[in-house]
């Protein structure tokens, strides 16, 4: 009996988030939001207000912004000296291989899949 109840509770724990993600609405319509949550949100935020993240810069408004120009204190000297502006193209190149575009960057996570990169960048462009 206890084992069956535990199994049922574990099944609900797994099934409820999956059901919630299957809902319709803005989040379900934006694959970039889902990808951002899975690949980027462990370090980055897109919060409109609140304390800056300690691990990586807040990416709200990143599209169109000069590299290393946000309030984040931990930008690498290489990124500060890069002179880049984060356009969809430069973000795409950066996310493909951060260290190739900016040798010495502290960013180490790559998004190898071109469609996923495009979805993330498109979604980030909506985060103003």
Protein backbone atom coordinates (compact mmCIF):
# COMPACT_ATOMS: atom_id res chain seq x y z
CA UNK A 1 0.00 0.00 0.00
CA UNK A 2 2.74 2.47 0.95
CA UNK A 3 4.72 1.47 -2.12
CA UNK A 4 1.68 2.07 -4.38
CA UNK A 5 1.06 5.50 -2.80
CA UNK A 6 4.71 6.44 -3.22
CA UNK A 7 4.61 5.35 -6.87
CA UNK A 8 1.44 7.38 -7.45
CA UNK A 9 3.02 10.46 -5.85
CA UNK A 10 6.16 10.08 -7.96
CA UNK A 11 4.07 9.69 -11.10
CA UNK A 12 2.17 12.90 -10.34
CA UNK A 13 5.45 14.70 -9.63
CA UNK A 14 6.62 13.85 -13.13
CA UNK A 15 3.27 14.16 -14.91
CA UNK A 16 2.09 17.52 -13.55
CA UNK A 17 4.99 19.62 -14.87
CA UNK A 18 4.69 17.88 -18.23
CA UNK A 19 0.98 18.66 -18.35
CA UNK A 20 1.64 22.26 -17.38
CA UNK A 21 4.17 22.66 -20.18
CA UNK A 22 1.64 21.28 -22.66
CA UNK A 23 -0.76 24.15 -21.96
CA UNK A 24 -1.40 26.74 -24.60
CA UNK A 25 -0.43 30.35 -24.18
CA UNK A 26 2.55 32.62 -24.72
CA UNK A 27 5.08 30.33 -23.01
CA UNK A 28 3.92 27.29 -24.97
CA UNK A 29 4.04 29.31 -28.22
CA UNK A 30 7.64 30.41 -27.67
CA UNK A 31 10.09 27.52 -28.09
CA UNK A 32 12.88 29.98 -27.32
CA UNK A 33 11.50 30.47 -23.80
CA UNK A 34 11.58 26.75 -23.17
CA UNK A 35 15.08 26.45 -24.60
CA UNK A 36 16.27 29.44 -22.56
CA UNK A 37 14.92 27.80 -19.40
CA UNK A 38 16.67 24.53 -20.24
CA UNK A 39 20.01 25.82 -21.52
CA UNK A 40 20.59 29.34 -20.20
CA UNK A 41 18.58 30.04 -17.08
CA UNK A 42 20.90 28.12 -14.78
CA UNK A 43 23.26 31.10 -15.07
CA UNK A 44 21.31 33.92 -16.77
CA UNK A 45 18.13 35.79 -15.95
CA UNK A 46 15.77 37.96 -17.97
CA UNK A 47 14.09 39.43 -14.90
CA UNK A 48 12.82 42.98 -15.29
CA UNK A 49 13.70 43.88 -11.71
CA UNK A 50 15.62 42.41 -8.88
CA UNK A 51 19.15 41.66 -7.86
CA UNK A 52 21.62 40.96 -10.65
CA UNK A 53 22.70 37.37 -11.03
CA UNK A 54 26.08 36.43 -9.63
CA UNK A 55 27.04 33.88 -12.29
CA UNK A 56 26.24 35.67 -15.53
CA UNK A 57 24.63 38.85 -16.85
CA UNK A 58 20.90 39.47 -17.03
CA UNK A 59 19.92 39.06 -20.69
CA UNK A 60 16.82 41.28 -20.68
CA UNK A 61 17.42 43.76 -23.50
CA UNK A 62 20.58 42.02 -24.69
CA UNK A 63 19.69 42.24 -28.38
CA UNK A 64 21.04 45.60 -29.54
CA UNK A 65 23.15 46.15 -26.42
CA UNK A 66 26.93 46.60 -26.40
CA UNK A 67 28.75 43.55 -25.06
CA UNK A 68 29.75 43.82 -21.40
CA UNK A 69 27.69 46.97 -20.92
CA UNK A 70 25.19 45.74 -18.34
CA UNK A 71 25.30 46.03 -14.57
CA UNK A 72 26.95 42.60 -14.19
CA UNK A 73 30.34 42.91 -12.46
CA UNK A 74 31.90 39.67 -13.71
CA UNK A 75 32.43 40.37 -17.41
CA UNK A 76 35.76 39.05 -18.66
CA UNK A 77 38.37 41.55 -19.82
CA UNK A 78 38.15 39.89 -23.25
CA UNK A 79 34.42 40.57 -23.54
CA UNK A 80 34.86 44.13 -22.26
CA UNK A 81 37.49 44.74 -24.96
CA UNK A 82 35.56 42.97 -27.74
CA UNK A 83 33.71 46.03 -29.04
CA UNK A 84 30.78 43.81 -30.00
CA UNK A 85 27.15 44.77 -30.18
CA UNK A 86 24.75 41.90 -29.57
CA UNK A 87 22.86 41.64 -32.83
CA UNK A 88 21.07 38.41 -33.73
CA UNK A 89 24.06 37.59 -35.94
CA UNK A 90 26.75 38.19 -33.30
CA UNK A 91 24.71 36.33 -30.70
CA UNK A 92 24.37 33.43 -33.12
CA UNK A 93 28.12 33.32 -33.72
CA UNK A 94 28.84 33.68 -30.01
CA UNK A 95 26.45 30.91 -28.98
CA UNK A 96 27.94 28.61 -31.63
CA UNK A 97 31.41 28.84 -30.06
CA UNK A 98 31.88 31.64 -27.51
CA UNK A 99 35.67 31.22 -27.24
CA UNK A 100 36.15 31.46 -30.99
CA UNK A 101 34.40 34.81 -31.28
CA UNK A 102 35.81 36.18 -28.01
CA UNK A 103 38.95 34.30 -26.93
CA UNK A 104 39.14 34.61 -23.15
CA UNK A 105 35.42 34.91 -22.54
CA UNK A 106 34.05 33.28 -19.41
CA UNK A 107 31.05 31.99 -21.33
CA UNK A 108 31.57 28.28 -21.94
CA UNK A 109 28.10 27.00 -22.86
CA UNK A 110 27.47 26.49 -26.57
CA UNK A 111 24.21 25.93 -28.42
CA UNK A 112 25.25 23.68 -31.30
CA UNK A 113 21.85 23.39 -32.99
CA UNK A 114 21.19 26.31 -35.36
CA UNK A 115 17.38 26.16 -34.94
CA UNK A 116 17.69 26.20 -31.15
CA UNK A 117 20.08 29.16 -31.30
CA UNK A 118 17.69 31.05 -33.57
CA UNK A 119 14.73 30.28 -31.29
CA UNK A 120 16.59 31.46 -28.20
CA UNK A 121 17.79 34.65 -29.90
CA UNK A 122 14.33 35.41 -31.32
CA UNK A 123 12.83 35.00 -27.87
CA UNK A 124 15.53 37.12 -26.23
CA UNK A 125 14.73 39.89 -28.73
CA UNK A 126 11.24 40.05 -27.21
CA UNK A 127 12.59 40.48 -23.67
CA UNK A 128 12.76 44.25 -23.31
